[in-house]
Amino acid sequence: MFESVKAGRLLDIPSEETLSDGTAGGVEPGSVTFDYCRDCVDDWILVPESTISKAMYFMLDHHHKAVEGAVGVSVGAFMQESSRFVGQTVVIVSSGSNVSVASVKKIIDEHFPSA
């Protein structure tokens, strides 16, 4: 979506594999999503896969909540850019938990390797 808004039109860009299926793309022509993003999003924080994974692990480890990749994008964006928000009240809506056991295991293995 970032690239489409930057271009001023909906682009057909192939999606790469990601932990964040919900933000992977696939916006249909005529969808209201592009217009909302173009008109209402003030700033974009692009989050790499490694940060999404780290944020998902953080949520599991510190909040005991398995979250999907789209939540990892939001939490990861905050983790990545936390200095921008010093002194401000920040709310991150964490409402998705559509994540497979295999993905959770891979994330745990990546961030908490066996001794």
PDB file of N, CA and C in Angstrom:
ATOM      1  N   MET A   1       0.824  -1.193   0.000  1.00  0.00           N
ATOM      2  CA  MET A   1       0.000   0.000   0.000  1.00  0.00           C
ATOM      3  C   MET A   1       0.871   1.262   0.000  1.00  0.00           C
ATOM      4  N   PHE A   2       1.966   1.220   0.748  1.00  0.00           N
ATOM      5  CA  PHE A   2       2.880   2.358   0.792  1.00  0.00           C
ATOM      6  C   PHE A   2       3.298   2.789  -0.612  1.00  0.00           C
ATOM      7  N   GLU A   3       3.707   1.823  -1.423  1.00  0.00           N
ATOM      8  CA  GLU A   3       4.160   2.141  -2.786  1.00  0.00           C
ATOM      9  C   GLU A   3       3.015   2.678  -3.635  1.00  0.00           C
ATOM     10  N   SER A   4       1.820   2.150  -3.455  1.00  0.00           N
ATOM     11  CA  SER A   4       0.660   2.636  -4.213  1.00  0.00           C
ATOM     12  C   SER A   4       0.320   4.069  -3.843  1.00  0.00           C
ATOM     13  N   VAL A   5       0.301   4.366  -2.556  1.00  0.00           N
ATOM     14  CA  VAL A   5      -0.006   5.729  -2.124  1.00  0.00           C
ATOM     15  C   VAL A   5       1.071   6.683  -2.628  1.00  0.00           C
ATOM     16  N   LYS A   6       2.332   6.248  -2.563  1.00  0.00           N
ATOM     17  CA  LYS A   6       3.433   7.076  -3.048  1.00  0.00           C
ATOM     18  C   LYS A   6       3.275   7.362  -4.547  1.00  0.00           C
ATOM     19  N   ALA A   7       2.798   6.371  -5.304  1.00  0.00           N
ATOM     20  CA  ALA A   7       2.602   6.526  -6.745  1.00  0.00           C
ATOM     21  C   ALA A   7       1.314   7.264  -7.091  1.00  0.00           C
ATOM     22  N   GLY A   8       0.407   7.359  -6.124  1.00  0.00           N
ATOM     23  CA  GLY A   8      -0.859   8.043  -6.377  1.00  0.00           C
ATOM     24  C   GLY A   8      -1.894   7.179  -7.064  1.00  0.00           C
ATOM     25  N   ARG A   9      -1.616   5.898  -7.163  1.00  0.00           N
ATOM     26  CA  ARG A   9      -2.579   4.966  -7.788  1.00  0.00           C
ATOM     27  C   ARG A   9      -2.291   3.560  -7.269  1.00  0.00           C
ATOM     28  N   LEU A  10      -3.280   2.711  -7.382  1.00  0.00           N
ATOM     29  CA  LEU A  10      -3.139   1.331  -6.933  1.00  0.00           C
ATOM     30  C   LEU A  10      -2.198   0.583  -7.870  1.00  0.00           C
ATOM     31  N   LEU A  11      -1.124   0.049  -7.319  1.00  0.00           N
ATOM     32  CA  LEU A  11      -0.154  -0.716  -8.094  1.00  0.00           C
ATOM     33  C   LEU A  11      -0.360  -2.206  -7.877  1.00  0.00           C
ATOM     34  N   ASP A  12      -0.094  -2.980  -8.895  1.00  0.00           N
ATOM     35  CA  ASP A  12      -0.173  -4.441  -8.782  1.00  0.00           C
ATOM     36  C   ASP A  12       1.246  -4.958  -8.560  1.00  0.00           C
ATOM     37  N   ILE A  13       1.646  -4.997  -7.297  1.00  0.00           N
ATOM     38  CA  ILE A  13       2.990  -5.435  -6.927  1.00  0.00           C
ATOM     39  C   ILE A  13       2.869  -6.812  -6.288  1.00  0.00           C
ATOM     40  N   PRO A  14       3.655  -7.774  -6.749  1.00  0.00           N
ATOM     41  CA  PRO A  14       3.579  -9.094  -6.127  1.00  0.00           C
ATOM     42  C   PRO A  14       4.001  -9.039  -4.667  1.00  0.00           C
ATOM     43  N   SER A  15       3.276  -9.748  -3.832  1.00  0.00           N
ATOM     44  CA  SER A  15       3.590  -9.806  -2.408  1.00  0.00           C
ATOM     45  C   SER A  15       4.649 -10.861  -2.152  1.00  0.00           C
ATOM     46  N   GLU A  16       5.570 -10.531  -1.270  1.00  0.00           N
ATOM     47  CA  GLU A  16       6.570 -11.507  -0.849  1.00  0.00           C
ATOM     48  C   GLU A  16       6.036 -12.251   0.363  1.00  0.00           C
ATOM     49  N   GLU A  17       6.636 -13.389   0.670  1.00  0.00           N
ATOM     50  CA  GLU A  17       6.227 -14.143   1.846  1.00  0.00           C
ATOM     51  C   GLU A  17       6.495 -13.311   3.089  1.00  0.00           C
ATOM     52  N   THR A  18       5.526 -13.316   4.005  1.00  0.00           N
ATOM     53  CA  THR A  18       5.642 -12.506   5.211  1.00  0.00           C
ATOM     54  C   THR A  18       4.883 -13.142   6.360  1.00  0.00           C
ATOM     55  N   LEU A  19       5.300 -12.830   7.570  1.00  0.00           N
ATOM     56  CA  LEU A  19       4.553 -13.234   8.758  1.00  0.00           C
ATOM     57  C   LEU A  19       3.242 -12.471   8.845  1.00  0.00           C
ATOM     58  N   SER A  20       3.158 -11.337   8.164  1.00  0.00           N
ATOM     59  CA  SER A  20       2.000 -10.464   8.249  1.00  0.00           C
ATOM     60  C   SER A  20       1.104 -10.606   7.026  1.00  0.00           C
ATOM     61  N   ASP A  21       0.383 -11.706   6.957  1.00  0.00           N
ATOM     62  CA  ASP A  21      -0.519 -11.944   5.835  1.00  0.00           C
ATOM     63  C   ASP A  21      -1.526 -10.811   5.664  1.00  0.00           C
ATOM     64  N   GLY A  22      -1.985 -10.250   6.782  1.00  0.00           N
ATOM     65  CA  GLY A  22      -3.003  -9.205   6.744  1.00  0.00           C
ATOM     66  C   GLY A  22      -2.546  -7.906   6.109  1.00  0.00           C
ATOM     67  N   THR A  23      -1.232  -7.711   6.005  1.00  0.00           N
ATOM     68  CA  THR A  23      -0.726  -6.484   5.390  1.00  0.00           C
ATOM     69  C   THR A  23       0.057  -6.779   4.120  1.00  0.00           C
ATOM     70  N   ALA A  24      -0.091  -7.978   3.592  1.00  0.00           N
ATOM     71  CA  ALA A  24       0.729  -8.416   2.461  1.00  0.00           C
ATOM     72  C   ALA A  24       0.304  -7.812   1.128  1.00  0.00           C
ATOM     73  N   GLY A  25      -0.846  -7.245   1.035  1.00  0.00           N
ATOM     74  CA  GLY A  25      -1.277  -6.667  -0.241  1.00  0.00           C
ATOM     75  C   GLY A  25      -2.566  -7.294  -0.706  1.00  0.00           C
ATOM     76  N   GLY A  26      -2.712  -7.380  -2.004  1.00  0.00           N
ATOM     77  CA  GLY A  26      -3.923  -7.975  -2.556  1.00  0.00           C
ATOM     78  C   GLY A  26      -5.124  -7.045  -2.474  1.00  0.00           C
ATOM     79  N   VAL A  27      -4.923  -5.743  -2.653  1.00  0.00           N
ATOM     80  CA  VAL A  27      -6.030  -4.791  -2.622  1.00  0.00           C
ATOM     81  C   VAL A  27      -6.675  -4.771  -3.999  1.00  0.00           C
ATOM     82  N   GLU A  28      -7.964  -5.029  -4.029  1.00  0.00           N
ATOM     83  CA  GLU A  28      -8.676  -5.116  -5.300  1.00  0.00           C
ATOM     84  C   GLU A  28      -8.964  -3.725  -5.845  1.00  0.00           C
ATOM     85  N   PRO A  29      -8.894  -3.569  -7.172  1.00  0.00           N
ATOM     86  CA  PRO A  29      -9.293  -2.284  -7.771  1.00  0.00           C
ATOM     87  C   PRO A  29     -10.725  -1.941  -7.366  1.00  0.00           C
ATOM     88  N   GLY A  30     -10.956  -0.674  -7.057  1.00  0.00           N
ATOM     89  CA  GLY A  30     -12.290  -0.242  -6.626  1.00  0.00           C
ATOM     90  C   GLY A  30     -12.517  -0.361  -5.134  1.00  0.00           C
ATOM     91  N   SER A  31     -11.582  -0.981  -4.420  1.00  0.00           N
ATOM     92  CA  SER A  31     -11.692  -1.119  -2.976  1.00  0.00           C
ATOM     93  C   SER A  31     -11.545   0.244  -2.309  1.00  0.00           C
ATOM     94  N   VAL A  32     -12.218   0.436  -1.173  1.00  0.00           N
ATOM     95  CA  VAL A  32     -12.118   1.703  -0.447  1.00  0.00           C
ATOM     96  C   VAL A  32     -10.788   1.820   0.303  1.00  0.00           C
ATOM     97  N   THR A  33     -10.058   0.729   0.432  1.00  0.00           N
ATOM     98  CA  THR A  33      -8.828   0.708   1.230  1.00  0.00           C
ATOM     99  C   THR A  33      -7.807   1.728   0.739  1.00  0.00           C
ATOM    100  N   PHE A  34      -7.579   1.782  -0.563  1.00  0.00           N
ATOM    101  CA  PHE A  34      -6.596   2.718  -1.096  1.00  0.00           C
ATOM    102  C   PHE A  34      -6.969   4.156  -0.758  1.00  0.00           C
ATOM    103  N   ASP A  35      -8.224   4.523  -0.994  1.00  0.00           N
ATOM    104  CA  ASP A  35      -8.671   5.893  -0.725  1.00  0.00           C
ATOM    105  C   ASP A  35      -8.496   6.249   0.751  1.00  0.00           C
ATOM    106  N   TYR A  36      -8.865   5.336   1.639  1.00  0.00           N
ATOM    107  CA  TYR A  36      -8.689   5.597   3.076  1.00  0.00           C
ATOM    108  C   TYR A  36      -7.216   5.795   3.421  1.00  0.00           C
ATOM    109  N   CYS A  37      -6.370   4.939   2.922  1.00  0.00           N
ATOM    110  CA  CYS A  37      -4.937   5.062   3.218  1.00  0.00           C
ATOM    111  C   CYS A  37      -4.367   6.347   2.639  1.00  0.00           C
ATOM    112  N   ARG A  38      -4.725   6.666   1.417  1.00  0.00           N
ATOM    113  CA  ARG A  38      -4.233   7.892   0.778  1.00  0.00           C
ATOM    114  C   ARG A  38      -4.674   9.133   1.550  1.00  0.00           C
ATOM    115  N   ASP A  39      -5.928   9.136   2.008  1.00  0.00           N
ATOM    116  CA  ASP A  39      -6.496  10.332   2.619  1.00  0.00           C
ATOM    117  C   ASP A  39      -6.271  10.427   4.130  1.00  0.00           C
ATOM    118  N   CYS A  40      -6.053   9.301   4.805  1.00  0.00           N
ATOM    119  CA  CYS A  40      -6.048   9.317   6.266  1.00  0.00           C
ATOM    120  C   CYS A  40      -4.715   8.950   6.920  1.00  0.00           C
ATOM    121  N   VAL A  41      -3.827   8.298   6.218  1.00  0.00           N
ATOM    122  CA  VAL A  41      -2.548   7.910   6.822  1.00  0.00           C
ATOM    123  C   VAL A  41      -1.567   9.066   6.676  1.00  0.00           C
ATOM    124  N   ASP A  42      -1.099   9.558   7.811  1.00  0.00           N
ATOM    125  CA  ASP A  42      -0.176  10.697   7.812  1.00  0.00           C
ATOM    126  C   ASP A  42       1.275  10.276   7.636  1.00  0.00           C
ATOM    127  N   ASP A  43       1.615   9.089   8.099  1.00  0.00           N
ATOM    128  CA  ASP A  43       3.004   8.655   8.072  1.00  0.00           C
ATOM    129  C   ASP A  43       3.035   7.137   7.976  1.00  0.00           C
ATOM    130  N   TRP A  44       4.076   6.638   7.357  1.00  0.00           N
ATOM    131  CA  TRP A  44       4.258   5.202   7.205  1.00  0.00           C
ATOM    132  C   TRP A  44       5.552   4.794   7.898  1.00  0.00           C
ATOM    133  N   ILE A  45       5.514   3.697   8.616  1.00  0.00           N
ATOM    134  CA  ILE A  45       6.729   3.108   9.179  1.00  0.00           C
ATOM    135  C   ILE A  45       6.846   1.717   8.562  1.00  0.00           C
ATOM    136  N   LEU A  46       7.854   1.516   7.743  1.00  0.00           N
ATOM    137  CA  LEU A  46       8.055   0.225   7.093  1.00  0.00           C
ATOM    138  C   LEU A  46       8.846  -0.670   8.035  1.00  0.00           C
ATOM    139  N   VAL A  47       8.353  -1.880   8.220  1.00  0.00           N
ATOM    140  CA  VAL A  47       8.904  -2.790   9.225  1.00  0.00           C
ATOM    141  C   VAL A  47       9.413  -4.058   8.544  1.00  0.00           C
ATOM    142  N   PRO A  48      10.701  -4.381   8.722  1.00  0.00           N
ATOM    143  CA  PRO A  48      11.235  -5.607   8.113  1.00  0.00           C
ATOM    144  C   PRO A  48      10.744  -6.866   8.843  1.00  0.00           C
ATOM    145  N   GLU A  49      10.832  -7.985   8.159  1.00  0.00           N
ATOM    146  CA  GLU A  49      10.402  -9.268   8.724  1.00  0.00           C
ATOM    147  C   GLU A  49      11.056  -9.555  10.079  1.00  0.00           C
ATOM    148  N   SER A  50      12.336  -9.239  10.208  1.00  0.00           N
ATOM    149  CA  SER A  50      13.037  -9.519  11.466  1.00  0.00           C
ATOM    150  C   SER A  50      12.402  -8.763  12.628  1.00  0.00           C
ATOM    151  N   THR A  51      11.925  -7.565  12.386  1.00  0.00           N
ATOM    152  CA  THR A  51      11.289  -6.771  13.441  1.00  0.00           C
ATOM    153  C   THR A  51       9.893  -7.290  13.735  1.00  0.00           C
ATOM    154  N   ILE A  52       9.184  -7.738  12.718  1.00  0.00           N
ATOM    155  CA  ILE A  52       7.867  -8.348  12.937  1.00  0.00           C
ATOM    156  C   ILE A  52       8.024  -9.565  13.838  1.00  0.00           C
ATOM    157  N   SER A  53       8.981 -10.412  13.530  1.00  0.00           N
ATOM    158  CA  SER A  53       9.243 -11.610  14.318  1.00  0.00           C
ATOM    159  C   SER A  53       9.625 -11.248  15.753  1.00  0.00           C
ATOM    160  N   LYS A  54      10.505 -10.281  15.902  1.00  0.00           N
ATOM    161  CA  LYS A  54      10.950  -9.845  17.231  1.00  0.00           C
ATOM    162  C   LYS A  54       9.769  -9.313  18.050  1.00  0.00           C
ATOM    163  N   ALA A  55       8.892  -8.552  17.414  1.00  0.00           N
ATOM    164  CA  ALA A  55       7.723  -8.006  18.102  1.00  0.00           C
ATOM    165  C   ALA A  55       6.740  -9.112  18.497  1.00  0.00           C
ATOM    166  N   MET A  56       6.547 -10.098  17.630  1.00  0.00           N
ATOM    167  CA  MET A  56       5.661 -11.214  17.971  1.00  0.00           C
ATOM    168  C   MET A  56       6.220 -11.997  19.153  1.00  0.00           C
ATOM    169  N   TYR A  57       7.532 -12.190  19.168  1.00  0.00           N
ATOM    170  CA  TYR A  57       8.170 -12.874  20.301  1.00  0.00           C
ATOM    171  C   TYR A  57       8.027 -12.029  21.576  1.00  0.00           C
ATOM    172  N   PHE A  58       8.225 -10.727  21.472  1.00  0.00           N
ATOM    173  CA  PHE A  58       8.066  -9.829  22.610  1.00  0.00           C
ATOM    174  C   PHE A  58       6.669  -9.968  23.218  1.00  0.00           C
ATOM    175  N   MET A  59       5.647  -9.966  22.362  1.00  0.00           N
ATOM    176  CA  MET A  59       4.272 -10.088  22.861  1.00  0.00           C
ATOM    177  C   MET A  59       4.049 -11.427  23.559  1.00  0.00           C
ATOM    178  N   LEU A  60       4.624 -12.487  23.021  1.00  0.00           N
ATOM    179  CA  LEU A  60       4.489 -13.808  23.635  1.00  0.00           C
ATOM    180  C   LEU A  60       5.244 -13.863  24.964  1.00  0.00           C
ATOM    181  N   ASP A  61       6.457 -13.369  24.971  1.00  0.00           N
ATOM    182  CA  ASP A  61       7.320 -13.448  26.147  1.00  0.00           C
ATOM    183  C   ASP A  61       6.871 -12.514  27.273  1.00  0.00           C
ATOM    184  N   HIS A  62       6.497 -11.297  26.944  1.00  0.00           N
ATOM    185  CA  HIS A  62       6.184 -10.303  27.978  1.00  0.00           C
ATOM    186  C   HIS A  62       4.701 -10.179  28.301  1.00  0.00           C
ATOM    187  N   HIS A  63       3.840 -10.533  27.364  1.00  0.00           N
ATOM    188  CA  HIS A  63       2.393 -10.386  27.580  1.00  0.00           C
ATOM    189  C   HIS A  63       1.655 -11.715  27.508  1.00  0.00           C
ATOM    190  N   HIS A  64       2.382 -12.802  27.238  1.00  0.00           N
ATOM    191  CA  HIS A  64       1.797 -14.146  27.154  1.00  0.00           C
ATOM    192  C   HIS A  64       0.638 -14.186  26.174  1.00  0.00           C
ATOM    193  N   LYS A  65       0.844 -13.521  25.027  1.00  0.00           N
ATOM    194  CA  LYS A  65      -0.190 -13.428  24.006  1.00  0.00           C
ATOM    195  C   LYS A  65       0.418 -13.771  22.648  1.00  0.00           C
ATOM    196  N   ALA A  66      -0.103 -14.809  22.030  1.00  0.00           N
ATOM    197  CA  ALA A  66       0.318 -15.149  20.666  1.00  0.00           C
ATOM    198  C   ALA A  66      -0.452 -14.237  19.717  1.00  0.00           C
ATOM    199  N   VAL A  67       0.282 -13.452  18.934  1.00  0.00           N
ATOM    200  CA  VAL A  67      -0.359 -12.497  18.034  1.00  0.00           C
ATOM    201  C   VAL A  67       0.029 -12.800  16.597  1.00  0.00           C
ATOM    202  N   GLU A  68      -0.809 -12.369  15.686  1.00  0.00           N
ATOM    203  CA  GLU A  68      -0.521 -12.555  14.270  1.00  0.00           C
ATOM    204  C   GLU A  68       0.465 -11.498  13.789  1.00  0.00           C
ATOM    205  N   GLY A  69       0.950 -11.698  12.586  1.00  0.00           N
ATOM    206  CA  GLY A  69       1.967 -10.823  12.034  1.00  0.00           C
ATOM    207  C   GLY A  69       1.542  -9.373  11.883  1.00  0.00           C
ATOM    208  N   ALA A  70       0.273  -9.115  11.603  1.00  0.00           N
ATOM    209  CA  ALA A  70      -0.179  -7.728  11.466  1.00  0.00           C
ATOM    210  C   ALA A  70      -0.015  -6.975  12.786  1.00  0.00           C
ATOM    211  N   VAL A  71      -0.231  -7.649  13.894  1.00  0.00           N
ATOM    212  CA  VAL A  71       0.023  -7.042  15.201  1.00  0.00           C
ATOM    213  C   VAL A  71       1.527  -6.840  15.369  1.00  0.00           C
ATOM    214  N   GLY A  72       2.313  -7.808  14.907  1.00  0.00           N
ATOM    215  CA  GLY A  72       3.759  -7.671  14.942  1.00  0.00           C
ATOM    216  C   GLY A  72       4.242  -6.441  14.181  1.00  0.00           C
ATOM    217  N   VAL A  73       3.550  -6.096  13.099  1.00  0.00           N
ATOM    218  CA  VAL A  73       3.900  -4.884  12.349  1.00  0.00           C
ATOM    219  C   VAL A  73       3.681  -3.650  13.223  1.00  0.00           C
ATOM    220  N   SER A  74       2.532  -3.570  13.881  1.00  0.00           N
ATOM    221  CA  SER A  74       2.229  -2.404  14.718  1.00  0.00           C
ATOM    222  C   SER A  74       3.176  -2.293  15.901  1.00  0.00           C
ATOM    223  N   VAL A  75       3.355  -3.396  16.616  1.00  0.00           N
ATOM    224  CA  VAL A  75       4.258  -3.395  17.780  1.00  0.00           C
ATOM    225  C   VAL A  75       5.693  -3.160  17.312  1.00  0.00           C
ATOM    226  N   GLY A  76       6.071  -3.804  16.226  1.00  0.00           N
ATOM    227  CA  GLY A  76       7.415  -3.645  15.690  1.00  0.00           C
ATOM    228  C   GLY A  76       7.694  -2.223  15.242  1.00  0.00           C
ATOM    229  N   ALA A  77       6.709  -1.566  14.652  1.00  0.00           N
ATOM    230  CA  ALA A  77       6.872  -0.168  14.238  1.00  0.00           C
ATOM    231  C   ALA A  77       7.154   0.699  15.454  1.00  0.00           C
ATOM    232  N   PHE A  78       6.431   0.443  16.531  1.00  0.00           N
ATOM    233  CA  PHE A  78       6.674   1.213  17.755  1.00  0.00           C
ATOM    234  C   PHE A  78       8.062   0.909  18.321  1.00  0.00           C
ATOM    235  N   MET A  79       8.427  -0.361  18.364  1.00  0.00           N
ATOM    236  CA  MET A  79       9.743  -0.732  18.878  1.00  0.00           C
ATOM    237  C   MET A  79      10.852  -0.085  18.036  1.00  0.00           C
ATOM    238  N   GLN A  80      10.671  -0.091  16.753  1.00  0.00           N
ATOM    239  CA  GLN A  80      11.666   0.425  15.814  1.00  0.00           C
ATOM    240  C   GLN A  80      11.811   1.948  15.908  1.00  0.00           C
ATOM    241  N   GLU A  81      10.711   2.632  16.171  1.00  0.00           N
ATOM    242  CA  GLU A  81      10.704   4.100  16.159  1.00  0.00           C
ATOM    243  C   GLU A  81      10.312   4.692  17.517  1.00  0.00           C
ATOM    244  N   SER A  82      10.563   3.966  18.605  1.00  0.00           N
ATOM    245  CA  SER A  82      10.086   4.392  19.929  1.00  0.00           C
ATOM    246  C   SER A  82      10.558   5.786  20.325  1.00  0.00           C
ATOM    247  N   SER A  83      11.730   6.190  19.884  1.00  0.00           N
ATOM    248  CA  SER A  83      12.241   7.518  20.256  1.00  0.00           C
ATOM    249  C   SER A  83      11.360   8.643  19.715  1.00  0.00           C
ATOM    250  N   ARG A  84      10.630   8.383  18.644  1.00  0.00           N
ATOM    251  CA  ARG A  84       9.721   9.392  18.081  1.00  0.00           C
ATOM    252  C   ARG A  84       8.534   9.682  18.990  1.00  0.00           C
ATOM    253  N   PHE A  85       8.259   8.758  19.902  1.00  0.00           N
ATOM    254  CA  PHE A  85       7.038   8.856  20.693  1.00  0.00           C
ATOM    255  C   PHE A  85       7.289   9.158  22.171  1.00  0.00           C
ATOM    256  N   VAL A  86       8.515   9.511  22.523  1.00  0.00           N
ATOM    257  CA  VAL A  86       8.851   9.823  23.904  1.00  0.00           C
ATOM    258  C   VAL A  86       7.977  10.980  24.390  1.00  0.00           C
ATOM    259  N   GLY A  87       7.396  10.803  25.579  1.00  0.00           N
ATOM    260  CA  GLY A  87       6.548  11.840  26.167  1.00  0.00           C
ATOM    261  C   GLY A  87       5.132  11.865  25.643  1.00  0.00           C
ATOM    262  N   GLN A  88       4.785  10.940  24.758  1.00  0.00           N
ATOM    263  CA  GLN A  88       3.442  10.888  24.201  1.00  0.00           C
ATOM    264  C   GLN A  88       2.710   9.648  24.716  1.00  0.00           C
ATOM    265  N   THR A  89       1.411   9.707  24.710  1.00  0.00           N
ATOM    266  CA  THR A  89       0.604   8.532  25.008  1.00  0.00           C
ATOM    267  C   THR A  89       0.428   7.758  23.714  1.00  0.00           C
ATOM    268  N   VAL A  90       0.777   6.485  23.736  1.00  0.00           N
ATOM    269  CA  VAL A  90       0.704   5.648  22.541  1.00  0.00           C
ATOM    270  C   VAL A  90      -0.226   4.466  22.816  1.00  0.00           C
ATOM    271  N   VAL A  91      -1.107   4.199  21.886  1.00  0.00           N
ATOM    272  CA  VAL A  91      -2.002   3.044  21.977  1.00  0.00           C
ATOM    273  C   VAL A  91      -1.773   2.180  20.748  1.00  0.00           C
ATOM    274  N   ILE A  92      -1.545   0.902  20.960  1.00  0.00           N
ATOM    275  CA  ILE A  92      -1.417  -0.052  19.864  1.00  0.00           C
ATOM    276  C   ILE A  92      -2.548  -1.060  20.021  1.00  0.00           C
ATOM    277  N   VAL A  93      -3.427  -1.107  19.042  1.00  0.00           N
ATOM    278  CA  VAL A  93      -4.536  -2.058  19.089  1.00  0.00           C
ATOM    279  C   VAL A  93      -4.000  -3.420  18.666  1.00  0.00           C
ATOM    280  N   SER A  94      -4.126  -4.374  19.557  1.00  0.00           N
ATOM    281  CA  SER A  94      -3.653  -5.730  19.320  1.00  0.00           C
ATOM    282  C   SER A  94      -4.860  -6.653  19.299  1.00  0.00           C
ATOM    283  N   SER A  95      -5.422  -6.871  18.116  1.00  0.00           N
ATOM    284  CA  SER A  95      -6.677  -7.620  18.066  1.00  0.00           C
ATOM    285  C   SER A  95      -6.595  -8.924  17.285  1.00  0.00           C
ATOM    286  N   GLY A  96      -5.461  -9.227  16.693  1.00  0.00           N
ATOM    287  CA  GLY A  96      -5.395 -10.428  15.871  1.00  0.00           C
ATOM    288  C   GLY A  96      -4.510 -11.504  16.463  1.00  0.00           C
ATOM    289  N   SER A  97      -5.003 -12.728  16.418  1.00  0.00           N
ATOM    290  CA  SER A  97      -4.192 -13.851  16.903  1.00  0.00           C
ATOM    291  C   SER A  97      -4.248 -15.026  15.931  1.00  0.00           C
ATOM    292  N   ASN A  98      -4.420 -14.713  14.651  1.00  0.00           N
ATOM    293  CA  ASN A  98      -4.470 -15.748  13.630  1.00  0.00           C
ATOM    294  C   ASN A  98      -3.039 -16.104  13.219  1.00  0.00           C
ATOM    295  N   VAL A  99      -2.423 -16.958  14.033  1.00  0.00           N
ATOM    296  CA  VAL A  99      -1.036 -17.361  13.784  1.00  0.00           C
ATOM    297  C   VAL A  99      -0.934 -18.871  14.002  1.00  0.00           C
ATOM    298  N   SER A 100      -0.228 -19.521  13.115  1.00  0.00           N
ATOM    299  CA  SER A 100      -0.116 -20.983  13.214  1.00  0.00           C
ATOM    300  C   SER A 100       0.878 -21.386  14.296  1.00  0.00           C
ATOM    301  N   VAL A 101       0.704 -22.587  14.800  1.00  0.00           N
ATOM    302  CA  VAL A 101       1.635 -23.139  15.782  1.00  0.00           C
ATOM    303  C   VAL A 101       3.030 -23.227  15.173  1.00  0.00           C
ATOM    304  N   ALA A 102       3.111 -23.578  13.898  1.00  0.00           N
ATOM    305  CA  ALA A 102       4.409 -23.675  13.228  1.00  0.00           C
ATOM    306  C   ALA A 102       5.114 -22.319  13.205  1.00  0.00           C
ATOM    307  N   SER A 103       4.370 -21.253  12.944  1.00  0.00           N
ATOM    308  CA  SER A 103       4.969 -19.912  12.946  1.00  0.00           C
ATOM    309  C   SER A 103       5.425 -19.514  14.342  1.00  0.00           C
ATOM    310  N   VAL A 104       4.613 -19.799  15.346  1.00  0.00           N
ATOM    311  CA  VAL A 104       4.987 -19.487  16.727  1.00  0.00           C
ATOM    312  C   VAL A 104       6.243 -20.259  17.115  1.00  0.00           C
ATOM    313  N   LYS A 105       6.308 -21.539  16.760  1.00  0.00           N
ATOM    314  CA  LYS A 105       7.488 -22.343  17.069  1.00  0.00           C
ATOM    315  C   LYS A 105       8.736 -21.773  16.396  1.00  0.00           C
ATOM    316  N   LYS A 106       8.609 -21.396  15.134  1.00  0.00           N
ATOM    317  CA  LYS A 106       9.750 -20.832  14.403  1.00  0.00           C
ATOM    318  C   LYS A 106      10.237 -19.544  15.069  1.00  0.00           C
ATOM    319  N   ILE A 107       9.312 -18.698  15.498  1.00  0.00           N
ATOM    320  CA  ILE A 107       9.668 -17.441  16.161  1.00  0.00           C
ATOM    321  C   ILE A 107      10.350 -17.713  17.497  1.00  0.00           C
ATOM    322  N   ILE A 108       9.815 -18.645  18.263  1.00  0.00           N
ATOM    323  CA  ILE A 108      10.438 -18.995  19.544  1.00  0.00           C
ATOM    324  C   ILE A 108      11.841 -19.541  19.314  1.00  0.00           C
ATOM    325  N   ASP A 109      11.982 -20.442  18.357  1.00  0.00           N
ATOM    326  CA  ASP A 109      13.298 -21.010  18.071  1.00  0.00           C
ATOM    327  C   ASP A 109      14.297 -19.943  17.626  1.00  0.00           C
ATOM    328  N   GLU A 110      13.817 -18.950  16.907  1.00  0.00           N
ATOM    329  CA  GLU A 110      14.682 -17.892  16.413  1.00  0.00           C
ATOM    330  C   GLU A 110      15.176 -16.977  17.541  1.00  0.00           C
ATOM    331  N   HIS A 111      14.283 -16.683  18.485  1.00  0.00           N
ATOM    332  CA  HIS A 111      14.608 -15.687  19.524  1.00  0.00           C
ATOM    333  C   HIS A 111      14.971 -16.311  20.865  1.00  0.00           C
ATOM    334  N   PHE A 112      14.719 -17.591  21.043  1.00  0.00           N
ATOM    335  CA  PHE A 112      15.045 -18.267  22.293  1.00  0.00           C
ATOM    336  C   PHE A 112      15.602 -19.653  21.968  1.00  0.00           C
ATOM    337  N   PRO A 113      16.778 -19.685  21.358  1.00  0.00           N
ATOM    338  CA  PRO A 113      17.340 -20.981  20.941  1.00  0.00           C
ATOM    339  C   PRO A 113      17.631 -21.879  22.153  1.00  0.00           C
ATOM    340  N   SER A 114      17.515 -23.161  21.926  1.00  0.00           N
ATOM    341  CA  SER A 114      17.816 -24.140  22.980  1.00  0.00           C
ATOM    342  C   SER A 114      19.278 -24.054  23.365  1.00  0.00           C
ATOM    343  N   ALA A 115      19.533 -24.293  24.625  1.00  0.00           N
ATOM    344  CA  ALA A 115      20.928 -24.246  25.122  1.00  0.00           C
ATOM    345  C   ALA A 115      21.691 -25.477  24.694  1.00  0.00           C
TER     346      ALA A 115
END
